[in-house]
Structures are given as C-alpha cells and as structure tokens.
Amino acid sequence: MKLGFRDGVLYDKRRSNWDAAGPRPINWSLWYPAADDAQESDLPERSWFQKAAVARNAPIRRGAVPYPLVLLSHGTGGSAAGLEWLARRLVDRGFAALGVSHHGNTGIEPYRAEGFACLWERAPDLSYMLDHCEDWLSDLSGHIDTISVFAAGFSAGAYSVMLLLGAVAQFSQFEPSRLKPGAARGPREFPDLANHIPALLRTSDVFRDSWSRMSKYYRDDRIKAALICAPGRSVLGFSEESLQAVDAPALILVGDADRAAPADECSSWLHARLRRSVLKIIGGGLGHYVFVPEGTALGLAFAAELFTDPPGIERAAVHEEIADLSAALFQNVDKAAMA
C-alpha cells in the first residue's frame, strides 16, 4: 500500500504558548493510505530515524468505509516522527494515523521545563485535533473516521493517552515536595526539571495556570481503545479511583528489561487498576527504547543507546509484532461496536 503523508501546524487559541506570546502551537503529521498511482519519495531532511518513503499530499486511496484513525502521542522530548514506525505499519493494516509534537516537550523546538513538567497539556492537543478536523482533513474529509477513534502513546505519550481515557492526575512525580532523597529530579532529557518548578510557579502566569489544571478531567469519549507502550512513573500520579472508572480497552506493552520504566513498577501497577486492560511483557532483554524507530547512521553516532538492542533482536520484527497486536485490538473493538 502506498503511504500518504501530510503535516502542518494548528494553534489552540484557548491556551497560550509557554512564552505568553501567542496561542499554543500543535504541529501535526498524518499518515494514510495513498491512491495507487501516488508517487512515493524519501523525505529530504536528515534524521536520527529510519523512515519509509512517502507520497506527500497525495490523494487518499478510496475505501468502502472511512479509515479508522489512531492518534499518536510521542515520548518525553520526542516528536511525532518518533512514532512513524507504528504509523506506517498501521496504514498497511487499513488505518490512518495522526501524531502531534507536544509544545515545549518536543525535539522539534527548544526544550522547555514547562512542557516537561505539565504533561497534562498534551491530552488537549490530541482532542483539539479532533475538534478542528476540518482544518487538516481538507479533501480527505469523509475518508477518515474522526468520530470513533483509537489512540497510542509511548512513555510520556502513554500518560497522555491515559488522560484521554479518563485518568485524573493527583500529583506530578516531579513536585519538589514529593521527591525522595536521591530520586531522579527529571527525565533523561531534562534531568534537573524539579529544580525549575518553584521559580516557574513564582514568575510565570502561563505555568501557574497550567499547574492549576493538573487534576482536570481530560477524558475524550471519541477514544474507543488505546495502546499503552512502556508507561513511565508519571502514571503513578493518577488517582486510583479514576483508573478504576476507565471503561475503554487498553493494551499495555513493555519490554522485560526496561530500566527507565520497569514493568513491575509502572506497567503492572497500571494494569492492576484498569478493569479492561491486557498486559504483555515482551521478552528478549528489550529496553525502553525498543518503542522508538530504527536508527540511521546519524542517530547511531549521536545516541547509540536509543537504537541498540540485545544480540539476536531485530527491532523491525518487534515493531511488526506491536503493530499486529494494536491493529487486532482496534479491529476487535470496531467489530464489537458493529455487532
């Protein structure tokens, strides 16, 4: 199947950017089945990630029914491109996939402490895309289903997706008052994050406003099921009562050797509190970053640890398994809805 691709940026005027200089930007990327005669070509930019050739702005391959849509939320400091490996495999399986790069918490712009601390701002990015689908669908309208939607998230993206399912945050894992001696004060990409929070609370109106929305209810009833990949310790800040009320099916996947988000601390904890979840621990000594793309020579030169797996592991084969599992989950939910 030919891989169509479009991207752009929308602006959420209800929320400010972190500089208080304008509305919040939402950079988006869409992958979809392209018409059979579409011409694919490699994307020109240099990247740490291996990517498939795409037919940019191509007409959609017309189907008997609209393609189901999967929303994608990247990991801490990543970007929508970090889930291209899943998006294109979902397209091969009959879906369209829409990813966003979350402002202040994405590698396509300078990192901001605000974006790393206020993870709850990521869920409204995804709902905004559904609320304003006419602004990005264009000629694809009627060919992609934006009413009954699925979601998938990796690491911090798993946190975003859980908010869409109805989880409610009670606290942030990096609140200085909650940190234990010797505990990490931030993620790998922003290791001193907790040190910034007191000053931001004193000096930034935008940050204070966001911090006050920490425990808001972000559930989006359009999300019918979710893939939760390697959820991090941030999920431990969710209200257990809110997790027990989540009624959408969720598939939780994690590597058996994930040291950044150990299965027994994070994924198992979450699974035990979700009524309709399935937990699969993928064996073979797999770490946290098996959920990012295969690396290019550039990526291996700058961050080999992100792209190196144990001997005998082919990351592409793991990605195929993940795509099969997620497509089966989403297709079964669709079948149940039509029954």
Protein backbone atom coordinates (compact mmCIF):
# COMPACT_ATOMS: atom_id res chain seq x y z
CA MET A 1 0.00 0.00 0.00
CA LYS A 2 1.28 3.50 -0.86
CA LEU A 3 1.96 5.70 2.17
CA GLY A 4 0.42 9.16 2.05
CA PHE A 5 1.80 11.90 4.30
CA ARG A 6 0.81 15.44 5.23
CA ASP A 7 1.89 17.77 8.01
CA GLY A 8 1.19 21.23 9.32
CA VAL A 9 0.55 23.28 12.45
CA LEU A 10 -2.63 24.44 14.17
CA TYR A 11 -2.92 26.95 17.01
CA ASP A 12 -5.06 26.45 20.09
CA LYS A 13 -6.22 29.96 20.96
CA ARG A 14 -7.67 28.78 24.28
CA ARG A 15 -4.16 28.11 25.61
CA SER A 16 -1.04 30.25 25.49
CA ASN A 17 2.37 29.14 24.33
CA TRP A 18 4.94 28.95 27.11
CA ASP A 19 6.32 32.41 26.23
CA ALA A 20 2.88 34.01 26.68
CA ALA A 21 3.44 35.46 23.20
CA GLY A 22 0.64 33.76 21.29
CA PRO A 23 -1.55 30.66 21.10
CA ARG A 24 -0.23 27.16 21.75
CA PRO A 25 1.16 25.54 18.58
CA ILE A 26 0.20 21.97 17.67
CA ASN A 27 2.47 20.57 14.98
CA TRP A 28 0.86 17.53 13.37
CA SER A 29 1.77 14.70 10.99
CA LEU A 30 -0.74 12.48 9.19
CA TRP A 31 -0.06 9.12 7.56
CA TYR A 32 -2.78 7.49 5.44
CA PRO A 33 -3.31 5.04 2.54
CA ALA A 34 -2.49 6.91 -0.66
CA ALA A 35 -4.01 6.36 -4.09
CA ASP A 36 -2.46 3.51 -6.04
CA ASP A 37 -0.89 5.86 -8.59
CA ALA A 38 0.69 8.14 -5.96
CA GLN A 39 4.43 8.74 -6.28
CA GLU A 40 6.47 7.99 -3.15
CA SER A 41 9.80 9.65 -2.39
CA ASP A 42 12.15 9.89 0.57
CA LEU A 43 11.75 12.81 2.94
CA PRO A 44 14.67 15.19 2.36
CA GLU A 45 15.60 16.13 5.92
CA ARG A 46 18.40 14.44 7.86
CA SER A 47 17.12 12.44 10.78
CA TRP A 48 18.18 10.11 13.57
CA PHE A 49 15.31 7.83 12.49
CA GLN A 50 14.89 5.49 9.57
CA LYS A 51 11.70 6.42 7.70
CA ALA A 52 9.77 4.96 4.81
CA ALA A 53 9.28 6.81 1.55
CA VAL A 54 6.00 8.74 1.41
CA ALA A 55 3.67 10.29 -1.14
CA ARG A 56 3.44 13.82 0.24
CA ASN A 57 0.00 15.43 -0.05
CA ALA A 58 -1.22 12.58 -2.28
CA PRO A 59 -4.91 11.82 -2.77
CA ILE A 60 -6.24 9.16 -0.44
CA ARG A 61 -6.89 5.60 -1.56
CA ARG A 62 -10.67 5.42 -1.55
CA GLY A 63 -12.15 2.65 0.55
CA ALA A 64 -15.62 1.24 1.07
CA VAL A 65 -15.76 2.85 4.52
CA PRO A 66 -13.71 5.61 6.18
CA TYR A 67 -10.34 4.55 7.54
CA PRO A 68 -10.22 4.26 11.34
CA LEU A 69 -7.97 6.92 12.87
CA VAL A 70 -5.28 6.31 15.50
CA LEU A 71 -3.96 9.31 17.45
CA LEU A 72 -0.26 9.07 18.37
CA SER A 73 1.49 10.71 21.34
CA HIS A 74 5.28 10.60 21.47
CA GLY A 75 7.63 10.04 24.39
CA THR A 76 9.33 12.68 26.53
CA GLY A 77 11.27 15.13 24.39
CA GLY A 78 10.39 13.26 21.18
CA SER A 79 8.21 14.15 18.21
CA ALA A 80 5.51 12.72 16.01
CA ALA A 81 8.26 11.33 13.77
CA GLY A 82 9.30 9.06 16.65
CA LEU A 83 6.14 7.01 16.06
CA GLU A 84 6.40 6.92 12.26
CA TRP A 85 7.35 3.24 12.55
CA LEU A 86 3.92 2.49 14.08
CA ALA A 87 2.01 4.89 11.85
CA ARG A 88 3.15 3.36 8.58
CA ARG A 89 2.52 -0.16 9.82
CA LEU A 90 -0.99 0.81 10.87
CA VAL A 91 -1.56 2.26 7.40
CA ASP A 92 -0.53 -1.12 5.95
CA ARG A 93 -3.25 -2.64 8.15
CA GLY A 94 -6.00 -0.32 6.99
CA PHE A 95 -5.78 2.66 9.38
CA ALA A 96 -4.82 6.32 9.22
CA ALA A 97 -2.55 7.72 11.94
CA LEU A 98 -2.26 11.28 13.25
CA GLY A 99 0.62 12.29 15.51
CA VAL A 100 1.34 15.62 17.19
CA SER A 101 4.56 17.10 18.59
CA HIS A 102 3.75 18.48 22.04
CA HIS A 103 4.85 22.11 22.56
CA GLY A 104 7.80 22.50 24.92
CA ASN A 105 8.22 18.75 25.26
CA THR A 106 9.38 18.00 21.72
CA GLY A 107 12.71 17.85 19.94
CA ILE A 108 11.44 19.93 17.00
CA GLU A 109 11.75 23.06 19.17
CA PRO A 110 13.84 24.07 22.21
CA TYR A 111 13.02 22.09 25.34
CA ARG A 112 11.03 23.96 27.98
CA ALA A 113 10.80 22.99 31.65
CA GLU A 114 7.12 23.94 31.48
CA GLY A 115 6.46 21.41 28.74
CA PHE A 116 8.21 18.63 30.65
CA ALA A 117 6.53 19.41 33.97
CA CYS A 118 2.97 19.95 32.70
CA LEU A 119 2.36 16.66 30.92
CA TRP A 120 -1.43 17.10 31.19
CA GLU A 121 -1.25 19.78 28.47
CA ARG A 122 -0.54 17.02 25.94
CA ALA A 123 -4.01 15.39 26.05
CA PRO A 124 -5.86 18.57 24.93
CA ASP A 125 -3.50 18.76 21.93
CA LEU A 126 -4.98 15.50 20.66
CA SER A 127 -8.59 16.42 21.43
CA TYR A 128 -8.05 19.75 19.69
CA MET A 129 -7.08 17.94 16.50
CA LEU A 130 -10.39 16.05 16.57
CA ASP A 131 -12.37 19.17 17.45
CA HIS A 132 -10.87 21.00 14.46
CA CYS A 133 -10.53 18.17 11.97
CA GLU A 134 -11.85 20.39 9.19
CA ASP A 135 -8.60 22.38 9.45
CA TRP A 136 -6.38 19.43 8.48
CA LEU A 137 -8.62 16.91 6.71
CA SER A 138 -9.33 19.09 3.66
CA ASP A 139 -10.02 16.79 0.68
CA LEU A 140 -9.64 13.74 2.96
CA SER A 141 -12.92 14.57 4.70
CA GLY A 142 -15.31 11.64 4.63
CA HIS A 143 -12.47 9.16 4.10
CA ILE A 144 -11.06 9.17 7.67
CA ASP A 145 -13.25 8.47 10.71
CA THR A 146 -12.79 11.19 13.35
CA ILE A 147 -15.77 10.15 15.48
CA SER A 148 -14.77 6.67 16.68
CA VAL A 149 -11.04 6.96 17.22
CA PHE A 150 -8.18 5.00 18.78
CA ALA A 151 -5.00 6.21 20.48
CA ALA A 152 -1.46 5.00 21.07
CA GLY A 153 1.25 6.53 23.21
CA PHE A 154 4.81 5.74 24.24
CA SER A 155 6.25 6.61 27.69
CA ALA A 156 5.01 10.16 28.40
CA GLY A 157 2.68 9.58 25.46
CA ALA A 158 1.15 6.71 27.42
CA TYR A 159 0.37 9.28 30.15
CA SER A 160 -1.31 11.49 27.52
CA VAL A 161 -3.45 8.63 26.26
CA MET A 162 -4.47 7.58 29.77
CA LEU A 163 -5.76 11.11 30.36
CA LEU A 164 -7.90 10.77 27.23
CA LEU A 165 -9.32 7.51 28.63
CA GLY A 166 -10.34 9.26 31.85
CA ALA A 167 -7.37 9.02 34.20
CA VAL A 168 -7.04 12.04 36.51
CA ALA A 169 -3.70 13.25 37.86
CA GLN A 170 -3.48 13.76 41.60
CA PHE A 171 0.13 14.95 41.60
CA SER A 172 3.21 15.36 39.43
CA GLN A 173 6.07 12.96 40.01
CA PHE A 174 8.48 15.91 39.93
CA GLU A 175 6.80 18.11 42.53
CA PRO A 176 9.74 19.03 44.78
CA SER A 177 7.72 18.26 47.90
CA ARG A 178 7.18 14.67 46.76
CA LEU A 179 10.71 13.81 45.71
CA LYS A 180 12.58 11.40 47.94
CA PRO A 181 16.28 11.90 48.68
CA GLY A 182 18.34 10.55 45.83
CA ALA A 183 15.37 10.27 43.46
CA ALA A 184 15.67 11.47 39.88
CA ARG A 185 14.79 15.15 39.59
CA GLY A 186 13.77 14.88 35.97
CA PRO A 187 13.75 12.60 32.93
CA ARG A 188 16.82 11.73 30.87
CA GLU A 189 16.19 14.68 28.56
CA PHE A 190 15.71 17.26 31.37
CA PRO A 191 17.48 15.90 34.47
CA ASP A 192 17.07 18.99 36.70
CA LEU A 193 13.39 19.54 35.92
CA ALA A 194 12.22 19.63 39.55
CA ASN A 195 14.62 22.49 40.29
CA HIS A 196 12.75 24.75 37.85
CA ILE A 197 9.24 24.28 39.23
CA PRO A 198 9.35 26.63 42.28
CA ALA A 199 10.69 29.53 40.22
CA LEU A 200 8.14 28.96 37.46
CA LEU A 201 5.32 28.99 39.99
CA ARG A 202 6.57 32.38 41.22
CA THR A 203 7.28 34.03 37.88
CA SER A 204 5.13 32.54 35.08
CA ASP A 205 1.40 33.18 34.80
CA VAL A 206 1.18 30.63 31.99
CA PHE A 207 2.85 27.97 34.11
CA ARG A 208 0.65 28.71 37.16
CA ASP A 209 -2.47 28.47 35.01
CA SER A 210 -1.34 25.13 33.62
CA TRP A 211 -0.32 23.81 37.05
CA SER A 212 -3.84 24.61 38.29
CA ARG A 213 -5.22 22.32 35.54
CA MET A 214 -3.22 19.31 36.68
CA SER A 215 -6.25 17.44 38.01
CA LYS A 216 -8.70 18.44 35.30
CA TYR A 217 -10.79 15.71 33.66
CA TYR A 218 -9.46 15.29 30.10
CA ARG A 219 -11.46 12.25 29.03
CA ASP A 220 -12.44 12.22 25.36
CA ASP A 221 -15.30 9.81 24.64
CA ARG A 222 -14.29 9.56 20.99
CA ILE A 223 -11.35 7.36 22.04
CA LYS A 224 -12.62 3.78 21.96
CA ALA A 225 -9.42 1.83 22.82
CA ALA A 226 -5.75 2.51 23.41
CA LEU A 227 -2.27 1.08 23.04
CA ILE A 228 -0.13 1.97 26.06
CA CYS A 229 3.60 1.47 25.38
CA ALA A 230 6.10 1.50 28.26
CA PRO A 231 4.23 3.87 30.59
CA GLY A 232 6.62 5.74 32.87
CA ARG A 233 6.50 6.59 36.56
CA SER A 234 4.31 9.60 35.78
CA VAL A 235 1.29 7.26 35.72
CA LEU A 236 1.79 6.61 39.44
CA GLY A 237 0.40 10.10 39.98
CA PHE A 238 -3.03 9.11 38.68
CA SER A 239 -5.97 8.76 41.03
CA GLU A 240 -6.68 5.06 41.52
CA GLU A 241 -10.40 5.82 41.61
CA SER A 242 -10.20 7.44 38.18
CA LEU A 243 -8.27 4.48 36.75
CA GLN A 244 -10.85 2.03 38.03
CA ALA A 245 -13.55 4.02 36.23
CA VAL A 246 -11.83 3.77 32.82
CA ASP A 247 -14.04 1.60 30.62
CA ALA A 248 -12.17 1.58 27.30
CA PRO A 249 -9.99 -1.45 26.44
CA ALA A 250 -6.26 -0.88 26.79
CA LEU A 251 -3.30 -3.00 25.72
CA ILE A 252 -0.19 -2.31 27.79
CA LEU A 253 3.15 -3.32 26.25
CA VAL A 254 6.57 -3.11 27.89
CA GLY A 255 9.99 -4.65 27.42
CA ASP A 256 11.17 -7.14 30.02
CA ALA A 257 14.43 -5.20 30.59
CA ASP A 258 13.01 -1.67 30.66
CA ARG A 259 15.08 0.20 33.25
CA ALA A 260 13.58 3.63 32.56
CA ALA A 261 10.03 2.42 33.28
CA PRO A 262 10.31 -1.02 34.89
CA ALA A 263 7.38 -3.30 34.18
CA ASP A 264 6.81 -4.23 37.82
CA GLU A 265 6.78 -0.58 38.95
CA CYS A 266 4.76 1.05 36.18
CA SER A 267 3.00 -1.23 33.68
CA SER A 268 1.93 -3.86 36.22
CA TRP A 269 0.74 -1.15 38.62
CA LEU A 270 -1.38 0.40 35.88
CA HIS A 271 -2.71 -2.94 34.62
CA ALA A 272 -3.87 -3.91 38.13
CA ARG A 273 -6.05 -0.78 38.29
CA LEU A 274 -7.64 -0.89 34.84
CA ARG A 275 -10.69 -3.12 34.51
CA ARG A 276 -10.32 -3.78 30.79
CA SER A 277 -6.57 -3.91 30.25
CA VAL A 278 -4.24 -6.59 28.95
CA LEU A 279 -0.56 -6.54 29.89
CA LYS A 280 2.08 -8.09 27.64
CA ILE A 281 5.72 -8.05 28.74
CA ILE A 282 7.83 -8.54 25.61
CA GLY A 283 10.80 -10.80 26.28
CA GLY A 284 14.30 -10.91 24.88
CA GLY A 285 16.01 -8.34 27.08
CA LEU A 286 14.14 -5.42 25.50
CA GLY A 287 14.57 -1.97 26.96
CA HIS A 288 12.58 1.26 26.93
CA TYR A 289 13.71 2.45 23.53
CA VAL A 290 12.56 -0.54 21.52
CA PHE A 291 9.47 1.66 21.01
CA VAL A 292 11.43 4.25 19.01
CA PRO A 293 12.39 3.84 15.33
CA GLU A 294 15.40 2.06 13.97
CA GLY A 295 18.33 4.44 13.85
CA THR A 296 20.18 5.95 10.91
CA ALA A 297 23.96 6.31 10.89
CA LEU A 298 23.41 9.84 12.26
CA GLY A 299 21.25 8.56 15.10
CA LEU A 300 23.72 5.82 15.99
CA ALA A 301 26.56 8.35 16.02
CA PHE A 302 24.82 10.71 18.44
CA ALA A 303 22.69 8.39 20.60
CA ALA A 304 23.58 4.75 20.03
CA GLU A 305 21.85 3.75 23.28
CA LEU A 306 18.48 4.63 21.75
CA PHE A 307 18.92 2.29 18.81
CA THR A 308 20.89 -0.66 20.17
CA ASP A 309 19.06 -3.86 21.14
CA PRO A 310 20.36 -7.16 22.56
CA PRO A 311 22.03 -9.60 20.16
CA GLY A 312 19.51 -11.56 18.14
CA ILE A 313 16.80 -8.90 18.37
CA GLU A 314 15.55 -7.27 15.18
CA ARG A 315 13.75 -4.09 16.13
CA ALA A 316 11.76 -4.14 12.89
CA ALA A 317 10.37 -7.58 13.81
CA VAL A 318 9.36 -6.29 17.26
CA HIS A 319 7.65 -3.34 15.60
CA GLU A 320 5.72 -5.69 13.32
CA GLU A 321 4.51 -7.65 16.36
CA ILE A 322 3.42 -4.44 18.11
CA ALA A 323 1.53 -3.30 15.01
CA ASP A 324 -0.21 -6.67 14.73
CA LEU A 325 -1.26 -6.56 18.39
CA SER A 326 -2.53 -3.00 18.24
CA ALA A 327 -4.39 -3.49 14.94
CA ALA A 328 -6.07 -6.61 16.39
CA LEU A 329 -7.17 -4.63 19.45
CA PHE A 330 -8.64 -1.81 17.39
CA GLN A 331 -10.30 -4.11 14.86
CA ASN A 332 -11.93 -6.16 17.61
CA VAL A 333 -13.36 -3.01 19.17
CA ASP A 334 -14.73 -1.97 15.77
CA LYS A 335 -16.33 -5.38 15.26
CA ALA A 336 -17.91 -5.29 18.72
CA ALA A 337 -19.33 -1.82 18.02
CA MET A 338 -20.95 -3.02 14.79
CA ALA A 339 -22.34 -6.22 16.32
